[in-house]
Amino acid sequence: MNAESLAKTDTYVLIARVAEKAVGMCVLFDRGDRSAELKRMIVDAESRGAGVGSCVVLLHPRNL
């Protein structure tokens, strides 16, 4: 993954924050067929098991 791929209009970088601290991040590529590819998922070690990863993906604007 490089800056060029992140700049595409079908790429979403989502960041989860708790009290202004970034605790999770994922990169989604919209495939255009109502599906997406989860390219990266990172959750802070202290926040693992708290559902941060699920929230980041489920609260993507296309799911609302």
Protein backbone atom coordinates (compact mmCIF):
# COMPACT_ATOMS: atom_id res chain seq x y z
CA MET A 1 0.00 0.00 0.00
CA ASN A 2 1.36 3.42 -0.94
CA ALA A 3 0.25 7.05 -0.91
CA GLU A 4 -1.13 6.76 -4.45
CA SER A 5 -3.48 3.90 -3.51
CA LEU A 6 -4.63 5.76 -0.38
CA ALA A 7 -5.48 8.86 -2.45
CA LYS A 8 -8.07 7.04 -4.63
CA THR A 9 -11.72 8.01 -4.17
CA ASP A 10 -12.70 4.39 -3.42
CA THR A 11 -10.26 4.10 -0.51
CA TYR A 12 -11.27 4.89 3.06
CA VAL A 13 -8.92 5.33 6.00
CA LEU A 14 -10.93 5.14 9.22
CA ILE A 15 -9.51 6.06 12.62
CA ALA A 16 -11.05 5.21 16.00
CA ARG A 17 -10.39 7.66 18.81
CA VAL A 18 -11.06 7.55 22.53
CA ALA A 19 -10.61 10.88 24.33
CA GLU A 20 -8.64 12.25 21.36
CA LYS A 21 -6.23 9.28 21.39
CA ALA A 22 -6.12 7.14 18.23
CA VAL A 23 -6.78 3.55 19.34
CA GLY A 24 -7.55 1.89 16.01
CA MET A 25 -7.29 2.30 12.25
CA CYS A 26 -8.39 0.42 9.16
CA VAL A 27 -8.10 0.89 5.41
CA LEU A 28 -11.01 -0.22 3.21
CA PHE A 29 -11.08 -0.44 -0.57
CA ASP A 30 -14.60 -0.09 -2.00
CA ARG A 31 -14.99 -2.74 -4.72
CA GLY A 32 -17.98 -1.00 -6.27
CA ASP A 33 -20.28 -4.01 -5.94
CA ARG A 34 -21.53 -3.23 -2.41
CA SER A 35 -18.52 -5.03 -0.93
CA ALA A 36 -15.20 -3.81 0.39
CA GLU A 37 -11.74 -5.23 0.91
CA LEU A 38 -10.29 -4.76 4.37
CA LYS A 39 -6.68 -3.97 3.56
CA ARG A 40 -5.32 -3.07 7.00
CA MET A 41 -6.62 -3.26 10.57
CA ILE A 42 -4.61 -2.02 13.51
CA VAL A 43 -5.83 -1.73 17.12
CA ASP A 44 -3.75 -0.43 20.01
CA ALA A 45 -2.66 -3.30 22.28
CA GLU A 46 -4.37 -1.75 25.31
CA SER A 47 -7.67 -1.46 23.40
CA ARG A 48 -7.82 -4.97 21.97
CA GLY A 49 -10.88 -6.97 22.99
CA ALA A 50 -12.99 -3.85 23.48
CA GLY A 51 -14.68 -4.00 20.06
CA VAL A 52 -12.70 -1.14 18.52
CA GLY A 53 -12.08 -2.98 15.25
CA SER A 54 -15.74 -3.91 14.84
CA CYS A 55 -16.85 -0.34 15.52
CA VAL A 56 -14.44 1.13 12.99
CA VAL A 57 -15.71 -1.14 10.21
CA LEU A 58 -19.41 -1.07 11.17
CA LEU A 59 -19.52 2.71 11.52
CA HIS A 60 -18.14 3.30 8.04
CA PRO A 61 -20.45 5.92 6.43
CA ARG A 62 -21.70 3.46 3.80
CA ASN A 63 -23.06 1.20 6.56
CA LEU A 64 -25.10 3.96 8.21
